[in-house]
Amino acid sequence: MIIKASASLRNDYSSISALAKETKEPIYITKNGEGDLVLMSIDAFEKREQILQLRSKIIQAEQERIDGENTMSIQEARNRLRERVSEI
């Protein structure tokens, strides 16, 4: 976990920005010794958002399965994909 004071963000933005891009980790910014903000690179944020969206889709699919929706085996899914590819 990377923690920086808000003064370092004000005084040395370039190195904080470089650190966020280099580590691809969130940087916790404190103000008066208390947590205030979390800073991260756009790439890290977008990757995090993609992961959250994927998890949401997986949870939705699992809930549909539990609710009795029709499902298919991996082999059935592969066969359907092969059929689609051969149609192209």
PDB file of N, CA and C in Angstrom:
ATOM      1  N   MET A   1       0.845  -1.161   0.000  1.00  0.00           N
ATOM      2  CA  MET A   1       0.000   0.000   0.000  1.00  0.00           C
ATOM      3  C   MET A   1       0.903   1.240   0.000  1.00  0.00           C
ATOM      4  N   ILE A   2       0.618   2.157  -0.914  1.00  0.00           N
ATOM      5  CA  ILE A   2       1.402   3.384  -1.025  1.00  0.00           C
ATOM      6  C   ILE A   2       0.592   4.526  -0.421  1.00  0.00           C
ATOM      7  N   ILE A   3       1.186   5.219   0.520  1.00  0.00           N
ATOM      8  CA  ILE A   3       0.520   6.331   1.197  1.00  0.00           C
ATOM      9  C   ILE A   3       1.383   7.575   1.039  1.00  0.00           C
ATOM     10  N   LYS A   4       0.760   8.658   0.613  1.00  0.00           N
ATOM     11  CA  LYS A   4       1.458   9.929   0.449  1.00  0.00           C
ATOM     12  C   LYS A   4       0.620  11.041   1.067  1.00  0.00           C
ATOM     13  N   ALA A   5       1.292  12.047   1.588  1.00  0.00           N
ATOM     14  CA  ALA A   5       0.602  13.214   2.139  1.00  0.00           C
ATOM     15  C   ALA A   5       0.115  14.100   0.994  1.00  0.00           C
ATOM     16  N   SER A   6      -0.970  14.828   1.246  1.00  0.00           N
ATOM     17  CA  SER A   6      -1.507  15.713   0.214  1.00  0.00           C
ATOM     18  C   SER A   6      -0.487  16.759  -0.208  1.00  0.00           C
ATOM     19  N   ALA A   7       0.408  17.154   0.698  1.00  0.00           N
ATOM     20  CA  ALA A   7       1.446  18.129   0.353  1.00  0.00           C
ATOM     21  C   ALA A   7       2.361  17.590  -0.737  1.00  0.00           C
ATOM     22  N   SER A   8       2.652  16.294  -0.707  1.00  0.00           N
ATOM     23  CA  SER A   8       3.525  15.729  -1.739  1.00  0.00           C
ATOM     24  C   SER A   8       2.817  15.718  -3.092  1.00  0.00           C
ATOM     25  N   LEU A   9       1.509  15.589  -3.086  1.00  0.00           N
ATOM     26  CA  LEU A   9       0.750  15.656  -4.339  1.00  0.00           C
ATOM     27  C   LEU A   9       0.817  17.078  -4.901  1.00  0.00           C
ATOM     28  N   ARG A  10       0.663  18.051  -4.029  1.00  0.00           N
ATOM     29  CA  ARG A  10       0.742  19.457  -4.441  1.00  0.00           C
ATOM     30  C   ARG A  10       2.142  19.829  -4.916  1.00  0.00           C
ATOM     31  N   ASN A  11       3.137  19.401  -4.161  1.00  0.00           N
ATOM     32  CA  ASN A  11       4.505  19.836  -4.419  1.00  0.00           C
ATOM     33  C   ASN A  11       5.257  19.000  -5.439  1.00  0.00           C
ATOM     34  N   ASP A  12       4.844  17.754  -5.643  1.00  0.00           N
ATOM     35  CA  ASP A  12       5.605  16.866  -6.528  1.00  0.00           C
ATOM     36  C   ASP A  12       4.662  15.980  -7.338  1.00  0.00           C
ATOM     37  N   TYR A  13       3.743  16.610  -8.031  1.00  0.00           N
ATOM     38  CA  TYR A  13       2.748  15.884  -8.813  1.00  0.00           C
ATOM     39  C   TYR A  13       3.397  14.918  -9.800  1.00  0.00           C
ATOM     40  N   SER A  14       4.445  15.360 -10.480  1.00  0.00           N
ATOM     41  CA  SER A  14       5.073  14.535 -11.518  1.00  0.00           C
ATOM     42  C   SER A  14       5.561  13.197 -10.978  1.00  0.00           C
ATOM     43  N   SER A  15       6.194  13.202  -9.813  1.00  0.00           N
ATOM     44  CA  SER A  15       6.702  11.933  -9.288  1.00  0.00           C
ATOM     45  C   SER A  15       5.561  11.053  -8.777  1.00  0.00           C
ATOM     46  N   ILE A  16       4.504  11.657  -8.237  1.00  0.00           N
ATOM     47  CA  ILE A  16       3.342  10.870  -7.797  1.00  0.00           C
ATOM     48  C   ILE A  16       2.671  10.236  -9.011  1.00  0.00           C
ATOM     49  N   SER A  17       2.531  11.022 -10.084  1.00  0.00           N
ATOM     50  CA  SER A  17       1.945  10.503 -11.321  1.00  0.00           C
ATOM     51  C   SER A  17       2.783   9.351 -11.873  1.00  0.00           C
ATOM     52  N   ALA A  18       4.094   9.530 -11.907  1.00  0.00           N
ATOM     53  CA  ALA A  18       4.991   8.478 -12.399  1.00  0.00           C
ATOM     54  C   ALA A  18       4.889   7.232 -11.525  1.00  0.00           C
ATOM     55  N   LEU A  19       4.807   7.419 -10.216  1.00  0.00           N
ATOM     56  CA  LEU A  19       4.694   6.291  -9.292  1.00  0.00           C
ATOM     57  C   LEU A  19       3.398   5.509  -9.543  1.00  0.00           C
ATOM     58  N   ALA A  20       2.309   6.228  -9.750  1.00  0.00           N
ATOM     59  CA  ALA A  20       1.026   5.567 -10.020  1.00  0.00           C
ATOM     60  C   ALA A  20       1.089   4.757 -11.313  1.00  0.00           C
ATOM     61  N   LYS A  21       1.707   5.321 -12.327  1.00  0.00           N
ATOM     62  CA  LYS A  21       1.814   4.619 -13.614  1.00  0.00           C
ATOM     63  C   LYS A  21       2.761   3.433 -13.523  1.00  0.00           C
ATOM     64  N   GLU A  22       3.842   3.610 -12.796  1.00  0.00           N
ATOM     65  CA  GLU A  22       4.855   2.551 -12.674  1.00  0.00           C
ATOM     66  C   GLU A  22       4.332   1.359 -11.869  1.00  0.00           C
ATOM     67  N   THR A  23       3.705   1.634 -10.730  1.00  0.00           N
ATOM     68  CA  THR A  23       3.269   0.553  -9.845  1.00  0.00           C
ATOM     69  C   THR A  23       1.917  -0.024 -10.235  1.00  0.00           C
ATOM     70  N   LYS A  24       1.121   0.756 -10.970  1.00  0.00           N
ATOM     71  CA  LYS A  24      -0.246   0.348 -11.345  1.00  0.00           C
ATOM     72  C   LYS A  24      -1.088   0.025 -10.110  1.00  0.00           C
ATOM     73  N   GLU A  25      -0.732   0.655  -9.006  1.00  0.00           N
ATOM     74  CA  GLU A  25      -1.434   0.460  -7.737  1.00  0.00           C
ATOM     75  C   GLU A  25      -2.051   1.777  -7.295  1.00  0.00           C
ATOM     76  N   PRO A  26      -3.120   1.714  -6.507  1.00  0.00           N
ATOM     77  CA  PRO A  26      -3.689   2.952  -5.968  1.00  0.00           C
ATOM     78  C   PRO A  26      -2.724   3.589  -4.969  1.00  0.00           C
ATOM     79  N   ILE A  27      -2.731   4.903  -4.952  1.00  0.00           N
ATOM     80  CA  ILE A  27      -1.933   5.657  -3.991  1.00  0.00           C
ATOM     81  C   ILE A  27      -2.906   6.371  -3.066  1.00  0.00           C
ATOM     82  N   TYR A  28      -2.774   6.125  -1.786  1.00  0.00           N
ATOM     83  CA  TYR A  28      -3.657   6.727  -0.793  1.00  0.00           C
ATOM     84  C   TYR A  28      -3.092   8.079  -0.397  1.00  0.00           C
ATOM     85  N   ILE A  29      -3.899   9.112  -0.502  1.00  0.00           N
ATOM     86  CA  ILE A  29      -3.486  10.472  -0.172  1.00  0.00           C
ATOM     87  C   ILE A  29      -4.106  10.843   1.174  1.00  0.00           C
ATOM     88  N   THR A  30      -3.260  11.318   2.066  1.00  0.00           N
ATOM     89  CA  THR A  30      -3.747  11.719   3.386  1.00  0.00           C
ATOM     90  C   THR A  30      -3.770  13.238   3.504  1.00  0.00           C
ATOM     91  N   LYS A  31      -4.649  13.714   4.349  1.00  0.00           N
ATOM     92  CA  LYS A  31      -4.741  15.144   4.655  1.00  0.00           C
ATOM     93  C   LYS A  31      -4.811  15.261   6.168  1.00  0.00           C
ATOM     94  N   ASN A  32      -3.860  15.947   6.733  1.00  0.00           N
ATOM     95  CA  ASN A  32      -3.761  16.079   8.192  1.00  0.00           C
ATOM     96  C   ASN A  32      -3.698  14.714   8.877  1.00  0.00           C
ATOM     97  N   GLY A  33      -3.010  13.778   8.244  1.00  0.00           N
ATOM     98  CA  GLY A  33      -2.806  12.459   8.827  1.00  0.00           C
ATOM     99  C   GLY A  33      -3.977  11.498   8.669  1.00  0.00           C
ATOM    100  N   GLU A  34      -5.052  11.926   8.024  1.00  0.00           N
ATOM    101  CA  GLU A  34      -6.236  11.087   7.821  1.00  0.00           C
ATOM    102  C   GLU A  34      -6.390  10.768   6.338  1.00  0.00           C
ATOM    103  N   GLY A  35      -6.923   9.595   6.038  1.00  0.00           N
ATOM    104  CA  GLY A  35      -7.180   9.229   4.658  1.00  0.00           C
ATOM    105  C   GLY A  35      -8.134  10.225   4.011  1.00  0.00           C
ATOM    106  N   ASP A  36      -7.832  10.619   2.762  1.00  0.00           N
ATOM    107  CA  ASP A  36      -8.649  11.616   2.087  1.00  0.00           C
ATOM    108  C   ASP A  36      -9.041  11.198   0.676  1.00  0.00           C
ATOM    109  N   LEU A  37      -8.080  10.730  -0.123  1.00  0.00           N
ATOM    110  CA  LEU A  37      -8.325  10.383  -1.517  1.00  0.00           C
ATOM    111  C   LEU A  37      -7.556   9.127  -1.903  1.00  0.00           C
ATOM    112  N   VAL A  38      -7.957   8.550  -3.011  1.00  0.00           N
ATOM    113  CA  VAL A  38      -7.182   7.472  -3.628  1.00  0.00           C
ATOM    114  C   VAL A  38      -6.905   7.906  -5.058  1.00  0.00           C
ATOM    115  N   LEU A  39      -5.659   7.814  -5.455  1.00  0.00           N
ATOM    116  CA  LEU A  39      -5.228   8.233  -6.778  1.00  0.00           C
ATOM    117  C   LEU A  39      -4.689   7.012  -7.513  1.00  0.00           C
ATOM    118  N   MET A  40      -5.060   6.895  -8.785  1.00  0.00           N
ATOM    119  CA  MET A  40      -4.512   5.806  -9.586  1.00  0.00           C
ATOM    120  C   MET A  40      -4.416   6.247 -11.042  1.00  0.00           C
ATOM    121  N   SER A  41      -3.575   5.563 -11.807  1.00  0.00           N
ATOM    122  CA  SER A  41      -3.433   5.885 -13.225  1.00  0.00           C
ATOM    123  C   SER A  41      -4.717   5.516 -13.958  1.00  0.00           C
ATOM    124  N   ILE A  42      -4.921   6.141 -15.090  1.00  0.00           N
ATOM    125  CA  ILE A  42      -6.104   5.839 -15.897  1.00  0.00           C
ATOM    126  C   ILE A  42      -6.089   4.379 -16.330  1.00  0.00           C
ATOM    127  N   ASP A  43      -4.917   3.867 -16.736  1.00  0.00           N
ATOM    128  CA  ASP A  43      -4.822   2.464 -17.160  1.00  0.00           C
ATOM    129  C   ASP A  43      -5.236   1.518 -16.036  1.00  0.00           C
ATOM    130  N   ALA A  44      -4.748   1.776 -14.825  1.00  0.00           N
ATOM    131  CA  ALA A  44      -5.099   0.924 -13.688  1.00  0.00           C
ATOM    132  C   ALA A  44      -6.588   1.032 -13.382  1.00  0.00           C
ATOM    133  N   PHE A  45      -7.129   2.237 -13.472  1.00  0.00           N
ATOM    134  CA  PHE A  45      -8.555   2.438 -13.214  1.00  0.00           C
ATOM    135  C   PHE A  45      -9.395   1.687 -14.241  1.00  0.00           C
ATOM    136  N   GLU A  46      -9.055   1.812 -15.531  1.00  0.00           N
ATOM    137  CA  GLU A  46      -9.818   1.141 -16.580  1.00  0.00           C
ATOM    138  C   GLU A  46      -9.748  -0.373 -16.437  1.00  0.00           C
ATOM    139  N   LYS A  47      -8.585  -0.903 -16.086  1.00  0.00           N
ATOM    140  CA  LYS A  47      -8.455  -2.350 -15.876  1.00  0.00           C
ATOM    141  C   LYS A  47      -9.334  -2.786 -14.710  1.00  0.00           C
ATOM    142  N   ARG A  48      -9.322  -2.004 -13.641  1.00  0.00           N
ATOM    143  CA  ARG A  48     -10.148  -2.305 -12.469  1.00  0.00           C
ATOM    144  C   ARG A  48     -11.633  -2.304 -12.842  1.00  0.00           C
ATOM    145  N   GLU A  49     -12.046  -1.326 -13.646  1.00  0.00           N
ATOM    146  CA  GLU A  49     -13.435  -1.246 -14.094  1.00  0.00           C
ATOM    147  C   GLU A  49     -13.813  -2.461 -14.939  1.00  0.00           C
ATOM    148  N   GLN A  50     -12.917  -2.891 -15.828  1.00  0.00           N
ATOM    149  CA  GLN A  50     -13.180  -4.075 -16.655  1.00  0.00           C
ATOM    150  C   GLN A  50     -13.357  -5.315 -15.787  1.00  0.00           C
ATOM    151  N   ILE A  51     -12.513  -5.462 -14.783  1.00  0.00           N
ATOM    152  CA  ILE A  51     -12.613  -6.606 -13.873  1.00  0.00           C
ATOM    153  C   ILE A  51     -13.952  -6.574 -13.138  1.00  0.00           C
ATOM    154  N   LEU A  52     -14.346  -5.404 -12.661  1.00  0.00           N
ATOM    155  CA  LEU A  52     -15.624  -5.284 -11.953  1.00  0.00           C
ATOM    156  C   LEU A  52     -16.798  -5.601 -12.865  1.00  0.00           C
ATOM    157  N   GLN A  53     -16.748  -5.151 -14.116  1.00  0.00           N
ATOM    158  CA  GLN A  53     -17.820  -5.455 -15.066  1.00  0.00           C
ATOM    159  C   GLN A  53     -17.884  -6.951 -15.350  1.00  0.00           C
ATOM    160  N   LEU A  54     -16.723  -7.581 -15.517  1.00  0.00           N
ATOM    161  CA  LEU A  54     -16.687  -9.020 -15.762  1.00  0.00           C
ATOM    162  C   LEU A  54     -17.254  -9.781 -14.572  1.00  0.00           C
ATOM    163  N   ARG A  55     -16.866  -9.387 -13.362  1.00  0.00           N
ATOM    164  CA  ARG A  55     -17.404 -10.040 -12.164  1.00  0.00           C
ATOM    165  C   ARG A  55     -18.920  -9.893 -12.096  1.00  0.00           C
ATOM    166  N   SER A  56     -19.408  -8.730 -12.452  1.00  0.00           N
ATOM    167  CA  SER A  56     -20.851  -8.488 -12.439  1.00  0.00           C
ATOM    168  C   SER A  56     -21.560  -9.422 -13.420  1.00  0.00           C
ATOM    169  N   LYS A  57     -20.986  -9.583 -14.610  1.00  0.00           N
ATOM    170  CA  LYS A  57     -21.581 -10.482 -15.606  1.00  0.00           C
ATOM    171  C   LYS A  57     -21.554 -11.931 -15.130  1.00  0.00           C
ATOM    172  N   ILE A  58     -20.470 -12.337 -14.485  1.00  0.00           N
ATOM    173  CA  ILE A  58     -20.366 -13.701 -13.965  1.00  0.00           C
ATOM    174  C   ILE A  58     -21.410 -13.931 -12.877  1.00  0.00           C
ATOM    175  N   ILE A  59     -21.563 -12.968 -11.991  1.00  0.00           N
ATOM    176  CA  ILE A  59     -22.567 -13.088 -10.918  1.00  0.00           C
ATOM    177  C   ILE A  59     -23.967 -13.165 -11.517  1.00  0.00           C
ATOM    178  N   GLN A  60     -24.232 -12.339 -12.523  1.00  0.00           N
ATOM    179  CA  GLN A  60     -25.545 -12.365 -13.179  1.00  0.00           C
ATOM    180  C   GLN A  60     -25.793 -13.728 -13.834  1.00  0.00           C
ATOM    181  N   ALA A  61     -24.793 -14.252 -14.539  1.00  0.00           N
ATOM    182  CA  ALA A  61     -24.942 -15.561 -15.193  1.00  0.00           C
ATOM    183  C   ALA A  61     -25.162 -16.658 -14.160  1.00  0.00           C
ATOM    184  N   GLU A  62     -24.450 -16.603 -13.062  1.00  0.00           N
ATOM    185  CA  GLU A  62     -24.614 -17.609 -12.013  1.00  0.00           C
ATOM    186  C   GLU A  62     -26.015 -17.522 -11.406  1.00  0.00           C
ATOM    187  N   GLN A  63     -26.498 -16.300 -11.209  1.00  0.00           N
ATOM    188  CA  GLN A  63     -27.847 -16.146 -10.667  1.00  0.00           C
ATOM    189  C   GLN A  63     -28.889 -16.686 -11.634  1.00  0.00           C
ATOM    190  N   GLU A  64     -28.699 -16.442 -12.923  1.00  0.00           N
ATOM    191  CA  GLU A  64     -29.616 -16.991 -13.931  1.00  0.00           C
ATOM    192  C   GLU A  64     -29.596 -18.518 -13.900  1.00  0.00           C
ATOM    193  N   ARG A  65     -28.407 -19.096 -13.745  1.00  0.00           N
ATOM    194  CA  ARG A  65     -28.296 -20.564 -13.664  1.00  0.00           C
ATOM    195  C   ARG A  65     -29.044 -21.084 -12.443  1.00  0.00           C
ATOM    196  N   ILE A  66     -28.858 -20.419 -11.308  1.00  0.00           N
ATOM    197  CA  ILE A  66     -29.535 -20.828 -10.077  1.00  0.00           C
ATOM    198  C   ILE A  66     -31.051 -20.715 -10.237  1.00  0.00           C
ATOM    199  N   ASP A  67     -31.487 -19.686 -10.974  1.00  0.00           N
ATOM    200  CA  ASP A  67     -32.919 -19.469 -11.182  1.00  0.00           C
ATOM    201  C   ASP A  67     -33.527 -20.412 -12.212  1.00  0.00           C
ATOM    202  N   GLY A  68     -32.707 -21.296 -12.793  1.00  0.00           N
ATOM    203  CA  GLY A  68     -33.236 -22.311 -13.699  1.00  0.00           C
ATOM    204  C   GLY A  68     -33.165 -21.973 -15.174  1.00  0.00           C
ATOM    205  N   GLU A  69     -32.446 -20.945 -15.529  1.00  0.00           N
ATOM    206  CA  GLU A  69     -32.291 -20.605 -16.953  1.00  0.00           C
ATOM    207  C   GLU A  69     -31.594 -21.761 -17.665  1.00  0.00           C
ATOM    208  N   ASN A  70     -31.870 -21.885 -18.968  1.00  0.00           N
ATOM    209  CA  ASN A  70     -31.205 -22.911 -19.764  1.00  0.00           C
ATOM    210  C   ASN A  70     -29.718 -22.623 -19.836  1.00  0.00           C
ATOM    211  N   THR A  71     -28.917 -23.660 -19.682  1.00  0.00           N
ATOM    212  CA  THR A  71     -27.467 -23.526 -19.767  1.00  0.00           C
ATOM    213  C   THR A  71     -26.940 -24.507 -20.798  1.00  0.00           C
ATOM    214  N   MET A  72     -25.662 -24.386 -21.124  1.00  0.00           N
ATOM    215  CA  MET A  72     -25.045 -25.342 -22.042  1.00  0.00           C
ATOM    216  C   MET A  72     -23.679 -25.733 -21.500  1.00  0.00           C
ATOM    217  N   SER A  73     -23.264 -26.893 -21.897  1.00  0.00           N
ATOM    218  CA  SER A  73     -21.948 -27.371 -21.471  1.00  0.00           C
ATOM    219  C   SER A  73     -20.868 -26.640 -22.258  1.00  0.00           C
ATOM    220  N   ILE A  74     -19.641 -26.813 -21.819  1.00  0.00           N
ATOM    221  CA  ILE A  74     -18.517 -26.206 -22.527  1.00  0.00           C
ATOM    222  C   ILE A  74     -18.436 -26.758 -23.944  1.00  0.00           C
ATOM    223  N   GLN A  75     -18.672 -28.043 -24.083  1.00  0.00           N
ATOM    224  CA  GLN A  75     -18.618 -28.658 -25.411  1.00  0.00           C
ATOM    225  C   GLN A  75     -19.695 -28.080 -26.327  1.00  0.00           C
ATOM    226  N   GLU A  76     -20.897 -27.869 -25.790  1.00  0.00           N
ATOM    227  CA  GLU A  76     -21.964 -27.261 -26.591  1.00  0.00           C
ATOM    228  C   GLU A  76     -21.590 -25.839 -27.018  1.00  0.00           C
ATOM    229  N   ALA A  77     -20.989 -25.097 -26.117  1.00  0.00           N
ATOM    230  CA  ALA A  77     -20.573 -23.731 -26.444  1.00  0.00           C
ATOM    231  C   ALA A  77     -19.497 -23.746 -27.528  1.00  0.00           C
ATOM    232  N   ARG A  78     -18.544 -24.656 -27.418  1.00  0.00           N
ATOM    233  CA  ARG A  78     -17.498 -24.777 -28.442  1.00  0.00           C
ATOM    234  C   ARG A  78     -18.096 -25.113 -29.803  1.00  0.00           C
ATOM    235  N   ASN A  79     -19.040 -26.056 -29.811  1.00  0.00           N
ATOM    236  CA  ASN A  79     -19.674 -26.434 -31.074  1.00  0.00           C
ATOM    237  C   ASN A  79     -20.401 -25.256 -31.708  1.00  0.00           C
ATOM    238  N   ARG A  80     -21.110 -24.475 -30.899  1.00  0.00           N
ATOM    239  CA  ARG A  80     -21.811 -23.298 -31.432  1.00  0.00           C
ATOM    240  C   ARG A  80     -20.829 -22.278 -32.001  1.00  0.00           C
ATOM    241  N   LEU A  81     -19.716 -22.068 -31.296  1.00  0.00           N
ATOM    242  CA  LEU A  81     -18.713 -21.134 -31.799  1.00  0.00           C
ATOM    243  C   LEU A  81     -18.109 -21.616 -33.106  1.00  0.00           C
ATOM    244  N   ARG A  82     -17.839 -22.904 -33.204  1.00  0.00           N
ATOM    245  CA  ARG A  82     -17.292 -23.462 -34.449  1.00  0.00           C
ATOM    246  C   ARG A  82     -18.288 -23.287 -35.593  1.00  0.00           C
ATOM    247  N   GLU A  83     -19.566 -23.496 -35.327  1.00  0.00           N
ATOM    248  CA  GLU A  83     -20.597 -23.310 -36.337  1.00  0.00           C
ATOM    249  C   GLU A  83     -20.621 -21.865 -36.819  1.00  0.00           C
ATOM    250  N   ARG A  84     -20.526 -20.923 -35.901  1.00  0.00           N
ATOM    251  CA  ARG A  84     -20.526 -19.505 -36.281  1.00  0.00           C
ATOM    252  C   ARG A  84     -19.305 -19.149 -37.114  1.00  0.00           C
ATOM    253  N   VAL A  85     -18.154 -19.676 -36.723  1.00  0.00           N
ATOM    254  CA  VAL A  85     -16.925 -19.390 -37.462  1.00  0.00           C
ATOM    255  C   VAL A  85     -17.017 -19.969 -38.865  1.00  0.00           C
ATOM    256  N   SER A  86     -17.557 -21.153 -39.006  1.00  0.00           N
ATOM    257  CA  SER A  86     -17.632 -21.783 -40.325  1.00  0.00           C
ATOM    258  C   SER A  86     -18.650 -21.079 -41.232  1.00  0.00           C
ATOM    259  N   GLU A  87     -19.586 -20.328 -40.656  1.00  0.00           N
ATOM    260  CA  GLU A  87     -20.568 -19.587 -41.442  1.00  0.00           C
ATOM    261  C   GLU A  87     -19.951 -18.344 -42.065  1.00  0.00           C
ATOM    262  N   ILE A  88     -18.847 -17.887 -41.517  1.00  0.00           N
ATOM    263  CA  ILE A  88     -18.240 -16.633 -42.004  1.00  0.00           C
ATOM    264  C   ILE A  88     -17.468 -16.837 -43.274  1.00  0.00           C
TER     265      ILE A  88
END
